[in-house]
C-alpha atoms as a PDB file:
ATOM      1  CA  MET A   1     139.560  84.529 196.100  1.00  0.00           C
ATOM      2  CA  ASP A   2     136.922  84.293 193.444  1.00  0.00           C
ATOM      3  CA  LEU A   3     138.913  83.786 190.274  1.00  0.00           C
ATOM      4  CA  ALA A   4     135.876  83.799 187.998  1.00  0.00           C
ATOM      5  CA  THR A   5     134.869  87.275 189.224  1.00  0.00           C
ATOM      6  CA  PHE A   6     138.446  88.547 188.971  1.00  0.00           C
ATOM      7  CA  PHE A   7     138.941  87.361 185.438  1.00  0.00           C
ATOM      8  CA  GLY A   8     135.496  88.562 184.418  1.00  0.00           C
ATOM      9  CA  ASP A   9     136.512  92.030 185.573  1.00  0.00           C
ATOM     10  CA  GLU A  10     139.789  91.715 183.673  1.00  0.00           C
ATOM     11  CA  GLY A  11     138.123  90.666 180.425  1.00  0.00           C
ATOM     12  CA  VAL A  12     139.906  87.305 180.390  1.00  0.00           C
ATOM     13  CA  ASP A  13     138.307  84.767 178.078  1.00  0.00           C
ATOM     14  CA  ILE A  14     139.454  81.571 179.625  1.00  0.00           C
ATOM     15  CA  PHE A  15     141.312  80.273 182.703  1.00  0.00           C
ATOM     16  CA  SER A  16     142.268  77.249 184.670  1.00  0.00           C
ATOM     17  CA  ARG A  17     143.965  76.550 188.014  1.00  0.00           C
ATOM     18  CA  VAL A  18     146.267  73.526 187.699  1.00  0.00           C
ATOM     19  CA  ALA A  19     147.530  71.620 190.737  1.00  0.00           C
ATOM     20  CA  ILE A  20     151.304  71.068 190.793  1.00  0.00           C
ATOM     21  CA  GLU A  21     150.898  67.358 191.013  1.00  0.00           C
ATOM     22  CA  ASP A  22     148.878  67.403 187.697  1.00  0.00           C
ATOM     23  CA  LEU A  23     151.818  68.766 185.731  1.00  0.00           C
ATOM     24  CA  PRO A  24     154.225  66.701 183.702  1.00  0.00           C
ATOM     25  CA  ASP A  25     157.536  66.114 185.572  1.00  0.00           C
ATOM     26  CA  ALA A  26     159.541  68.608 183.607  1.00  0.00           C
ATOM     27  CA  ASP A  27     156.980  71.404 184.066  1.00  0.00           C
ATOM     28  CA  ARG A  28     156.526  70.587 187.761  1.00  0.00           C
ATOM     29  CA  ALA A  29     160.315  70.873 188.216  1.00  0.00           C
ATOM     30  CA  SER A  30     160.467  74.319 186.401  1.00  0.00           C
ATOM     31  CA  VAL A  31     157.499  75.633 188.329  1.00  0.00           C
ATOM     32  CA  LEU A  32     159.092  74.630 191.675  1.00  0.00           C
ATOM     33  CA  GLU A  33     162.353  76.188 190.593  1.00  0.00           C
ATOM     34  CA  PHE A  34     160.522  79.399 189.767  1.00  0.00           C
ATOM     35  CA  LEU A  35     158.649  79.427 193.089  1.00  0.00           C
ATOM     36  CA  PRO A  36     159.668  76.704 195.588  1.00  0.00           C
ATOM     37  CA  PRO A  37     156.494  76.835 197.704  1.00  0.00           C
ATOM     38  CA  ALA A  38     154.323  76.547 194.582  1.00  0.00           C
ATOM     39  CA  ARG A  39     151.176  74.312 194.848  1.00  0.00           C
ATOM     40  CA  SER A  40     149.317  75.460 191.720  1.00  0.00           C
ATOM     41  CA  VAL A  41     149.560  77.477 188.511  1.00  0.00           C
ATOM     42  CA  ILE A  42     146.762  79.843 187.348  1.00  0.00           C
ATOM     43  CA  VAL A  43     146.936  80.098 183.574  1.00  0.00           C
ATOM     44  CA  PHE A  44     144.590  82.393 181.635  1.00  0.00           C
ATOM     45  CA  GLY A  45     144.249  83.824 178.179  1.00  0.00           C
ATOM     46  CA  LYS A  46     142.581  86.234 175.801  1.00  0.00           C
ATOM     47  CA  GLU A  47     141.543  85.773 172.255  1.00  0.00           C
ATOM     48  CA  VAL A  48     143.356  87.511 169.412  1.00  0.00           C
ATOM     49  CA  PRO A  49     140.466  88.368 167.077  1.00  0.00           C
ATOM     50  CA  VAL A  50     140.653  87.011 163.506  1.00  0.00           C
ATOM     51  CA  PRO A  51     140.872  90.510 161.913  1.00  0.00           C
ATOM     52  CA  VAL A  52     144.064  91.194 163.834  1.00  0.00           C
ATOM     53  CA  TYR A  53     145.870  88.441 161.836  1.00  0.00           C
ATOM     54  CA  ARG A  54     144.824  90.145 158.606  1.00  0.00           C
ATOM     55  CA  MET A  55     146.377  93.448 159.520  1.00  0.00           C
ATOM     56  CA  PRO A  56     149.663  94.757 158.151  1.00  0.00           C
ATOM     57  CA  PRO A  57     152.610  93.531 160.286  1.00  0.00           C
ATOM     58  CA  ARG A  58     153.103  96.758 162.234  1.00  0.00           C
ATOM     59  CA  GLU A  59     149.484  97.144 163.197  1.00  0.00           C
ATOM     60  CA  LYS A  60     149.127  93.426 163.934  1.00  0.00           C
ATOM     61  CA  THR A  61     152.131  93.617 166.273  1.00  0.00           C
ATOM     62  CA  GLN A  62     150.693  96.583 168.118  1.00  0.00           C
ATOM     63  CA  GLN A  63     147.357  94.897 168.686  1.00  0.00           C
ATOM     64  CA  MET A  64     148.973  91.688 169.895  1.00  0.00           C
ATOM     65  CA  LEU A  65     151.207  93.615 172.231  1.00  0.00           C
ATOM     66  CA  ARG A  66     148.260  95.402 173.620  1.00  0.00           C
ATOM     67  CA  ILE A  67     146.522  92.154 174.423  1.00  0.00           C
ATOM     68  CA  ALA A  68     149.735  90.625 175.808  1.00  0.00           C
ATOM     69  CA  GLU A  69     150.458  93.564 178.026  1.00  0.00           C
ATOM     70  CA  SER A  70     146.891  93.569 179.355  1.00  0.00           C
ATOM     71  CA  LEU A  71     147.366  89.940 180.367  1.00  0.00           C
ATOM     72  CA  ASP A  72     150.662  90.744 181.984  1.00  0.00           C
ATOM     73  CA  ASP A  73     149.093  93.539 183.964  1.00  0.00           C
ATOM     74  CA  ALA A  74     146.315  91.187 185.111  1.00  0.00           C
ATOM     75  CA  ALA A  75     148.903  88.627 186.173  1.00  0.00           C
ATOM     76  CA  GLY A  76     150.656  91.293 188.250  1.00  0.00           C
ATOM     77  CA  ARG A  77     147.379  92.387 189.884  1.00  0.00           C
ATOM     78  CA  LEU A  78     146.403  88.747 190.630  1.00  0.00           C
ATOM     79  CA  ALA A  79     149.793  87.947 192.201  1.00  0.00           C
ATOM     80  CA  GLY A  80     149.500  91.158 194.293  1.00  0.00           C
ATOM     81  CA  ARG A  81     146.067  90.166 195.562  1.00  0.00           C
ATOM     82  CA  LEU A  82     147.225  86.663 196.470  1.00  0.00           C
ATOM     83  CA  GLU A  83     150.270  88.053 198.289  1.00  0.00           C
ATOM     84  CA  ARG A  84     148.003  90.393 200.324  1.00  0.00           C
ATOM     85  CA  GLU A  85     146.044  87.267 201.348  1.00  0.00           C
ATOM     86  CA  GLY A  86     149.299  85.744 202.616  1.00  0.00           C
ATOM     87  CA  ILE A  87     149.723  83.363 199.604  1.00  0.00           C
ATOM     88  CA  PRO A  88     153.142  83.314 197.946  1.00  0.00           C
ATOM     89  CA  ALA A  89     152.676  84.178 194.277  1.00  0.00           C
ATOM     90  CA  LEU A  90     154.734  85.256 191.202  1.00  0.00           C
ATOM     91  CA  PRO A  91     153.528  86.276 187.770  1.00  0.00           C
ATOM     92  CA  VAL A  92     155.147  84.349 184.926  1.00  0.00           C
ATOM     93  CA  PRO A  93     157.365  86.812 182.910  1.00  0.00           C
ATOM     94  CA  LEU A  94     155.819  88.017 179.647  1.00  0.00           C
ATOM     95  CA  PHE A  95     159.234  88.357 177.955  1.00  0.00           C
ATOM     96  CA  LEU A  96     162.514  87.621 179.826  1.00  0.00           C
ATOM     97  CA  PRO A  97     163.941  85.572 181.233  1.00  0.00           C
ATOM     98  CA  VAL A  98     163.639  82.528 179.045  1.00  0.00           C
ATOM     99  CA  ARG A  99     165.760  79.338 178.845  1.00  0.00           C
ATOM    100  CA  VAL A 100     167.222  76.931 176.312  1.00  0.00           C
ATOM    101  CA  VAL A 101     166.368  73.259 176.680  1.00  0.00           C
ATOM    102  CA  ASP A 102     167.729  70.760 174.155  1.00  0.00           C
ATOM    103  CA  GLY A 103     168.541  73.633 171.847  1.00  0.00           C
ATOM    104  CA  ARG A 104     164.984  75.027 171.984  1.00  0.00           C
ATOM    105  CA  VAL A 105     164.006  78.362 173.453  1.00  0.00           C
ATOM    106  CA  GLN A 106     161.143  78.211 175.983  1.00  0.00           C
ATOM    107  CA  GLY A 107     159.720  80.259 178.913  1.00  0.00           C
ATOM    108  CA  VAL A 108     160.862  79.622 182.385  1.00  0.00           C
ATOM    109  CA  VAL A 109     157.336  78.287 182.918  1.00  0.00           C
ATOM    110  CA  ARG A 110     155.715  76.648 179.863  1.00  0.00           C
ATOM    111  CA  LEU A 111     152.242  78.128 180.003  1.00  0.00           C
ATOM    112  CA  LYS A 112     150.958  76.354 176.871  1.00  0.00           C
ATOM    113  CA  HIS A 113     151.743  72.964 178.328  1.00  0.00           C
ATOM    114  CA  ILE A 114     150.345  73.870 181.714  1.00  0.00           C
ATOM    115  CA  ALA A 115     147.158  75.160 180.036  1.00  0.00           C
ATOM    116  CA  ALA A 116     146.877  71.785 178.225  1.00  0.00           C
ATOM    117  CA  ALA A 117     147.372  69.942 181.550  1.00  0.00           C
ATOM    118  CA  GLY A 118     144.664  72.122 182.984  1.00  0.00           C
ATOM    119  CA  GLY A 119     142.168  71.103 180.336  1.00  0.00           C
ATOM    120  CA  LEU A 120     142.195  74.258 178.261  1.00  0.00           C
ATOM    121  CA  GLY A 121     143.090  72.446 175.016  1.00  0.00           C
ATOM    122  CA  GLU A 122     145.908  70.505 173.428  1.00  0.00           C
ATOM    123  CA  ILE A 123     149.233  71.296 171.912  1.00  0.00           C
ATOM    124  CA  GLY A 124     149.112  71.169 168.078  1.00  0.00           C
ATOM    125  CA  LYS A 125     151.929  70.332 165.658  1.00  0.00           C
ATOM    126  CA  ASN A 126     152.608  74.045 165.470  1.00  0.00           C
ATOM    127  CA  THR A 127     153.352  73.854 169.224  1.00  0.00           C
ATOM    128  CA  LEU A 128     150.492  76.277 169.916  1.00  0.00           C
ATOM    129  CA  LEU A 129     147.684  75.691 172.297  1.00  0.00           C
ATOM    130  CA  LEU A 130     144.533  74.629 170.394  1.00  0.00           C
ATOM    131  CA  ASN A 131     141.361  75.498 172.346  1.00  0.00           C
ATOM    132  CA  PRO A 132     137.884  74.259 171.329  1.00  0.00           C
ATOM    133  CA  ARG A 133     136.433  77.737 171.338  1.00  0.00           C
ATOM    134  CA  PHE A 134     139.323  79.891 170.224  1.00  0.00           C
ATOM    135  CA  GLY A 135     141.485  77.520 168.162  1.00  0.00           C
ATOM    136  CA  PRO A 136     145.121  78.712 168.137  1.00  0.00           C
ATOM    137  CA  GLN A 137     144.156  82.334 168.713  1.00  0.00           C
ATOM    138  CA  LEU A 138     144.901  82.633 172.428  1.00  0.00           C
ATOM    139  CA  LEU A 139     147.640  84.653 174.178  1.00  0.00           C
ATOM    140  CA  LEU A 140     148.427  83.304 177.640  1.00  0.00           C
ATOM    141  CA  ALA A 141     149.640  84.562 180.961  1.00  0.00           C
ATOM    142  CA  GLY A 142     149.996  82.918 184.297  1.00  0.00           C
ATOM    143  CA  VAL A 143     150.645  83.167 188.024  1.00  0.00           C
ATOM    144  CA  VAL A 144     152.379  80.562 190.111  1.00  0.00           C
ATOM    145  CA  ALA A 145     150.794  80.340 193.528  1.00  0.00           C
ATOM    146  CA  GLY A 146     151.480  78.738 196.889  1.00  0.00           C
ATOM    147  CA  SER A 147     147.876  77.725 197.359  1.00  0.00           C
ATOM    148  CA  PRO A 148     146.166  74.477 196.398  1.00  0.00           C
ATOM    149  CA  VAL A 149     143.552  74.102 193.692  1.00  0.00           C
ATOM    150  CA  GLN A 150     140.061  74.999 194.960  1.00  0.00           C
ATOM    151  CA  GLU A 151     138.302  75.817 191.724  1.00  0.00           C
ATOM    152  CA  ALA A 152     138.826  75.347 188.067  1.00  0.00           C
ATOM    153  CA  GLY A 153     137.863  77.240 184.947  1.00  0.00           C
ATOM    154  CA  TYR A 154     136.806  75.956 181.543  1.00  0.00           C
ATOM    155  CA  ARG A 155     137.616  72.321 180.788  1.00  0.00           C
ATOM    156  CA  ASN A 156     137.971  70.752 177.331  1.00  0.00           C
ATOM    157  CA  THR A 157     136.005  67.517 177.078  1.00  0.00           C
ATOM    158  CA  GLY A 158     135.544  67.436 173.295  1.00  0.00           C
ATOM    159  CA  ALA A 159     137.218  65.527 170.466  1.00  0.00           C
ATOM    160  CA  PRO A 160     140.928  66.072 169.671  1.00  0.00           C
ATOM    161  CA  LEU A 161     141.542  69.348 167.799  1.00  0.00           C
ATOM    162  CA  CYS A 162     144.882  68.635 166.122  1.00  0.00           C
ATOM    163  CA  THR A 163     144.318  66.172 163.302  1.00  0.00           C
ATOM    164  CA  GLY A 164     148.007  65.869 162.570  1.00  0.00           C
ATOM    165  CA  CYS A 165     147.368  67.083 159.020  1.00  0.00           C
ATOM    166  CA  GLY A 166     150.649  69.026 158.957  1.00  0.00           C
ATOM    167  CA  ALA A 167     149.079  72.137 157.394  1.00  0.00           C
ATOM    168  CA  CYS A 168     150.902  74.378 159.876  1.00  0.00           C
ATOM    169  CA  ILE A 169     154.257  72.735 158.975  1.00  0.00           C
ATOM    170  CA  ARG A 170     153.687  73.224 155.263  1.00  0.00           C
ATOM    171  CA  ALA A 171     152.472  76.853 155.814  1.00  0.00           C
ATOM    172  CA  CYS A 172     155.746  77.953 157.576  1.00  0.00           C
ATOM    173  CA  PRO A 173     157.820  79.632 154.882  1.00  0.00           C
ATOM    174  CA  GLU A 174     161.125  79.054 156.751  1.00  0.00           C
ATOM    175  CA  GLY A 175     160.527  75.396 157.748  1.00  0.00           C
ATOM    176  CA  ALA A 176     160.728  76.279 161.415  1.00  0.00           C
ATOM    177  CA  ILE A 177     158.272  73.662 162.518  1.00  0.00           C
ATOM    178  CA  GLY A 178     159.618  70.116 162.708  1.00  0.00           C
ATOM    179  CA  PRO A 179     158.972  66.816 164.471  1.00  0.00           C
ATOM    180  CA  ASP A 180     160.795  68.026 167.553  1.00  0.00           C
ATOM    181  CA  GLY A 181     158.902  71.330 167.737  1.00  0.00           C
ATOM    182  CA  VAL A 182     159.642  74.834 166.612  1.00  0.00           C
ATOM    183  CA  ASP A 183     163.154  76.157 165.949  1.00  0.00           C
ATOM    184  CA  ALA A 184     162.578  79.797 167.064  1.00  0.00           C
ATOM    185  CA  PHE A 185     165.668  81.002 165.237  1.00  0.00           C
ATOM    186  CA  ARG A 186     164.284  79.827 161.932  1.00  0.00           C
ATOM    187  CA  CYS A 187     161.035  81.684 162.406  1.00  0.00           C
ATOM    188  CA  ARG A 188     160.755  84.599 159.955  1.00  0.00           C
ATOM    189  CA  THR A 189     159.981  87.059 162.778  1.00  0.00           C
ATOM    190  CA  ILE A 190     162.988  86.013 164.874  1.00  0.00           C
ATOM    191  CA  ARG A 191     165.369  85.795 161.913  1.00  0.00           C
ATOM    192  CA  ALA A 192     164.765  89.476 161.251  1.00  0.00           C
ATOM    193  CA  TRP A 193     166.286  90.272 164.606  1.00  0.00           C
ATOM    194  CA  VAL A 194     168.736  87.304 165.065  1.00  0.00           C
ATOM    195  CA  PRO A 195     170.427  86.383 161.736  1.00  0.00           C
ATOM    196  CA  PRO A 196     171.889  82.885 161.532  1.00  0.00           C
ATOM    197  CA  PRO A 197     175.548  83.888 162.102  1.00  0.00           C
ATOM    198  CA  VAL A 198     174.780  85.235 165.606  1.00  0.00           C
ATOM    199  CA  VAL A 199     172.447  82.410 166.731  1.00  0.00           C
ATOM    200  CA  PRO A 200     175.217  80.580 168.706  1.00  0.00           C
ATOM    201  CA  ALA A 201     176.104  83.767 170.622  1.00  0.00           C
ATOM    202  CA  VAL A 202     172.424  84.457 171.380  1.00  0.00           C
ATOM    203  CA  LYS A 203     171.939  80.947 172.722  1.00  0.00           C
ATOM    204  CA  TRP A 204     175.012  81.440 174.926  1.00  0.00           C
ATOM    205  CA  LEU A 205     173.451  84.640 176.335  1.00  0.00           C
ATOM    206  CA  LEU A 206     170.111  82.909 176.954  1.00  0.00           C
ATOM    207  CA  ARG A 207     171.803  80.309 179.124  1.00  0.00           C
ATOM    208  CA  ARG A 208     173.082  83.120 181.427  1.00  0.00           C
ATOM    209  CA  GLN A 209     170.011  83.558 183.768  1.00  0.00           C
ATOM    210  CA  LEU A 210     171.539  86.308 185.847  1.00  0.00           C
ATOM    211  CA  LEU A 211     172.272  88.334 182.722  1.00  0.00           C
ATOM    212  CA  LEU A 212     168.763  87.711 181.351  1.00  0.00           C
ATOM    213  CA  ARG A 213     167.209  88.868 184.649  1.00  0.00           C
ATOM    214  CA  GLY A 214     169.221  92.082 184.436  1.00  0.00           C
ATOM    215  CA  MET A 215     167.990  92.629 180.871  1.00  0.00           C
ATOM    216  CA  ALA A 216     164.340  91.801 181.643  1.00  0.00           C
ATOM    217  CA  PRO A 217     163.249  95.385 182.386  1.00  0.00           C
ATOM    218  CA  LEU A 218     164.378  96.394 178.821  1.00  0.00           C
ATOM    219  CA  ALA A 219     162.516  93.567 177.094  1.00  0.00           C
ATOM    220  CA  PRO A 220     159.133  95.452 176.818  1.00  0.00           C
ATOM    221  CA  LEU A 221     160.850  98.371 175.147  1.00  0.00           C
ATOM    222  CA  VAL A 222     162.570  96.085 172.621  1.00  0.00           C
ATOM    223  CA  ALA A 223     159.256  94.255 171.966  1.00  0.00           C
ATOM    224  CA  ARG A 224     157.570  97.534 171.071  1.00  0.00           C
ATOM    225  CA  THR A 225     160.094  98.063 168.274  1.00  0.00           C
ATOM    226  CA  ALA A 226     159.690  94.560 166.917  1.00  0.00           C
ATOM    227  CA  THR A 227     157.363  93.437 164.129  1.00  0.00           C
ATOM    228  CA  ILE A 228     155.466  90.138 163.833  1.00  0.00           C
ATOM    229  CA  ARG A 229     156.226  89.421 160.193  1.00  0.00           C
ATOM    230  CA  CYS A 230     154.478  86.095 159.843  1.00  0.00           C
ATOM    231  CA  SER A 231     151.513  84.305 161.501  1.00  0.00           C
ATOM    232  CA  LEU A 232     151.041  81.426 159.085  1.00  0.00           C
ATOM    233  CA  CYS A 233     151.605  78.854 161.779  1.00  0.00           C
ATOM    234  CA  VAL A 234     148.337  80.184 163.210  1.00  0.00           C
ATOM    235  CA  THR A 235     146.287  81.127 160.203  1.00  0.00           C
ATOM    236  CA  GLY A 236     147.392  77.994 158.292  1.00  0.00           C
ATOM    237  CA  CYS A 237     145.900  75.721 161.005  1.00  0.00           C
ATOM    238  CA  PRO A 238     142.488  74.253 160.094  1.00  0.00           C
ATOM    239  CA  ALA A 239     141.349  75.143 163.634  1.00  0.00           C
ATOM    240  CA  PHE A 240     141.710  78.843 162.638  1.00  0.00           C
ATOM    241  CA  PRO A 241     138.461  80.305 161.087  1.00  0.00           C
ATOM    242  CA  GLY A 242     139.034  80.706 157.384  1.00  0.00           C
ATOM    243  CA  ALA A 243     142.489  79.058 157.454  1.00  0.00           C
ATOM    244  CA  GLU A 244     144.833  80.482 154.796  1.00  0.00           C
ATOM    245  CA  GLY A 245     146.835  77.353 154.218  1.00  0.00           C
ATOM    246  CA  GLU A 246     150.028  77.483 152.265  1.00  0.00           C
ATOM    247  CA  ARG A 247     151.555  80.481 150.527  1.00  0.00           C
END
């Protein structure tokens, strides 16, 4: 199928199709666990406009959810079209299930890392994907497919975007960003829902994949009641237009 036309119709800003053999070993293993006949991952994203980050938390959350859900819907439609063409395909879940690896929470398929492998940018110290055009302002979705790579989308061929300045680390009010990545449970947004005393119990639950799959249909309802309280890991990055820096 013509991915460029499909994504143009969906209002997607950027995409890439990444061959399974081009993925790092850990990501290749997780993709094959997710869909054993996988031969590629189609990863794509939409920009979160700068004014959204300046909105009050509730309005900001609503706008980001709107963008994320539009990407999730596009992933479902793309997977459906591929299936009708006889190609095994699964959309990567927007919310649940997730998994815990080395004490860190991550998606069952790490879309940011796959996007970086596909030439869409690089991973910054804030663990976000930094793209030459959109900086750290992209939300991502993806589809794992049983077809080989036949075309690619945008490719980053420019200079490195992350300078290692550490502005994102200093901007985080809870010190959630460290040398080993982001501790999600120290993030101000997550701490509002998961206070420190219950973190061990939540990590235990996240390791129970069958339980998470059963809870997955409820995740969008829970997400709509949540609030993104802080975006300083994005807006404090020099790659963000008019970076805020520390507070």
